[in-house]
C-alpha atoms as a PDB file:
ATOM      1  CA  MET A   1     -31.155 228.055  14.338  1.00  0.00           C
ATOM      2  CA  ALA A   2     -28.542 227.450  16.974  1.00  0.00           C
ATOM      3  CA  ASP A   3     -28.125 223.706  16.617  1.00  0.00           C
ATOM      4  CA  GLU A   4     -28.606 222.184  13.149  1.00  0.00           C
ATOM      5  CA  THR A   5     -27.088 218.803  14.038  1.00  0.00           C
ATOM      6  CA  TYR A   6     -28.706 215.561  12.997  1.00  0.00           C
ATOM      7  CA  ILE A   7     -30.677 213.739  15.691  1.00  0.00           C
ATOM      8  CA  PRO A   8     -32.095 210.367  14.609  1.00  0.00           C
ATOM      9  CA  GLY A   9     -35.907 210.227  14.880  1.00  0.00           C
ATOM     10  CA  ASP A  10     -36.241 213.911  15.859  1.00  0.00           C
ATOM     11  CA  HIS A  11     -37.226 215.857  12.749  1.00  0.00           C
ATOM     12  CA  TRP A  12     -37.741 219.589  12.344  1.00  0.00           C
ATOM     13  CA  VAL A  13     -41.276 221.067  12.404  1.00  0.00           C
ATOM     14  CA  ILE A  14     -42.680 224.562  12.077  1.00  0.00           C
ATOM     15  CA  CYS A  15     -44.568 225.825  15.140  1.00  0.00           C
ATOM     16  CA  ASP A  16     -48.134 226.744  14.116  1.00  0.00           C
ATOM     17  CA  ARG A  17     -48.230 229.722  16.497  1.00  0.00           C
ATOM     18  CA  THR A  18     -44.779 231.298  16.204  1.00  0.00           C
ATOM     19  CA  GLY A  19     -43.565 230.027  12.838  1.00  0.00           C
ATOM     20  CA  PHE A  20     -40.219 229.016  14.375  1.00  0.00           C
ATOM     21  CA  LYS A  21     -38.396 225.908  13.204  1.00  0.00           C
ATOM     22  CA  VAL A  22     -38.136 223.590  16.224  1.00  0.00           C
ATOM     23  CA  ARG A  23     -37.540 219.933  16.927  1.00  0.00           C
ATOM     24  CA  ALA A  24     -40.565 217.632  17.020  1.00  0.00           C
ATOM     25  CA  SER A  25     -39.590 216.547  20.536  1.00  0.00           C
ATOM     26  CA  GLU A  26     -39.991 220.183  21.660  1.00  0.00           C
ATOM     27  CA  THR A  27     -43.597 220.487  20.450  1.00  0.00           C
ATOM     28  CA  ARG A  28     -46.995 219.634  21.863  1.00  0.00           C
ATOM     29  CA  LYS A  29     -50.406 219.346  20.292  1.00  0.00           C
ATOM     30  CA  GLU A  30     -53.090 221.700  21.615  1.00  0.00           C
ATOM     31  CA  TRP A  31     -56.807 220.969  22.014  1.00  0.00           C
ATOM     32  CA  ASN A  32     -57.567 222.821  18.752  1.00  0.00           C
ATOM     33  CA  GLY A  33     -55.176 220.665  16.706  1.00  0.00           C
ATOM     34  CA  LEU A  34     -52.255 223.115  16.479  1.00  0.00           C
ATOM     35  CA  ARG A  35     -48.774 221.737  16.922  1.00  0.00           C
ATOM     36  CA  VAL A  36     -46.887 224.343  18.939  1.00  0.00           C
ATOM     37  CA  TRP A  37     -43.559 224.804  20.685  1.00  0.00           C
ATOM     38  CA  ASN A  38     -43.503 223.788  24.381  1.00  0.00           C
ATOM     39  CA  LYS A  39     -42.710 227.371  25.415  1.00  0.00           C
ATOM     40  CA  VAL A  40     -45.921 228.773  23.864  1.00  0.00           C
ATOM     41  CA  TRP A  41     -48.295 225.843  24.561  1.00  0.00           C
ATOM     42  CA  GLU A  42     -51.519 226.854  26.328  1.00  0.00           C
ATOM     43  CA  PRO A  43     -54.041 224.493  27.942  1.00  0.00           C
ATOM     44  CA  ARG A  44     -57.715 224.820  27.127  1.00  0.00           C
ATOM     45  CA  HIS A  45     -59.438 227.439  29.250  1.00  0.00           C
ATOM     46  CA  PRO A  46     -61.649 225.994  32.037  1.00  0.00           C
ATOM     47  CA  GLN A  47     -64.474 228.358  31.041  1.00  0.00           C
ATOM     48  CA  ASP A  48     -64.855 226.319  27.823  1.00  0.00           C
ATOM     49  CA  PHE A  49     -66.209 223.435  29.909  1.00  0.00           C
ATOM     50  CA  VAL A  50     -68.923 225.394  31.741  1.00  0.00           C
ATOM     51  CA  ARG A  51     -72.403 224.286  30.743  1.00  0.00           C
ATOM     52  CA  GLY A  52     -75.477 226.459  30.880  1.00  0.00           C
ATOM     53  CA  ARG A  53     -78.408 225.604  33.106  1.00  0.00           C
ATOM     54  CA  ALA A  54     -82.023 225.584  31.985  1.00  0.00           C
ATOM     55  CA  ASP A  55     -83.846 228.747  32.985  1.00  0.00           C
ATOM     56  CA  ASP A  56     -87.533 228.270  33.850  1.00  0.00           C
ATOM     57  CA  GLN A  57     -89.147 231.503  32.622  1.00  0.00           C
ATOM     58  CA  ALA A  58     -92.769 230.503  33.111  1.00  0.00           C
ATOM     59  CA  VAL A  59     -94.935 233.120  34.819  1.00  0.00           C
ATOM     60  CA  ARG A  60     -96.309 231.814  38.088  1.00  0.00           C
ATOM     61  CA  ASP A  61     -99.894 232.586  39.063  1.00  0.00           C
ATOM     62  CA  ALA A  62    -100.706 234.057  35.662  1.00  0.00           C
ATOM     63  CA  ARG A  63    -104.127 235.652  35.199  1.00  0.00           C
ATOM     64  CA  PRO A  64    -105.911 236.821  32.040  1.00  0.00           C
ATOM     65  CA  ARG A  65    -105.796 240.504  31.192  1.00  0.00           C
ATOM     66  CA  GLN A  66    -108.705 242.513  32.570  1.00  0.00           C
ATOM     67  CA  GLU A  67    -111.100 244.273  30.292  1.00  0.00           C
ATOM     68  CA  ASP A  68    -110.479 248.011  29.904  1.00  0.00           C
ATOM     69  CA  VAL A  69    -112.996 250.219  31.744  1.00  0.00           C
ATOM     70  CA  PHE A  70    -113.254 253.866  30.700  1.00  0.00           C
ATOM     71  CA  LEU A  71    -114.837 256.529  32.920  1.00  0.00           C
ATOM     72  CA  SER A  72    -116.952 259.354  31.596  1.00  0.00           C
ATOM     73  CA  PRO A  73    -116.344 262.872  32.807  1.00  0.00           C
ATOM     74  CA  GLY A  74    -117.856 263.200  36.289  1.00  0.00           C
ATOM     75  CA  ASP A  75    -117.732 259.471  37.055  1.00  0.00           C
ATOM     76  CA  VAL A  76    -115.923 258.566  40.252  1.00  0.00           C
ATOM     77  CA  THR A  77    -115.951 254.779  40.066  1.00  0.00           C
ATOM     78  CA  PRO A  78    -116.940 252.400  37.299  1.00  0.00           C
ATOM     79  CA  GLU A  79    -120.369 250.844  37.561  1.00  0.00           C
ATOM     80  CA  ASN A  80    -121.232 247.192  37.102  1.00  0.00           C
ATOM     81  CA  LEU A  81    -117.883 245.777  38.237  1.00  0.00           C
END
């Protein structure tokens, strides 16, 4: 601690990120509630504000499954279709 002099209204705090003892006037509060030293303060990442979009996954022009048709040996095409 380089300067331990008394400054009225400026108390000492412990930085939540570094653990250093710093003056309250040299700290900032982050978005997650941590009180950190000005030199290590980080803003919230812009990617945290991106919202997802609804994805329509409905099948267009859906048709029912066709009935299975099995051919006997020697058959070329199915009958009665």
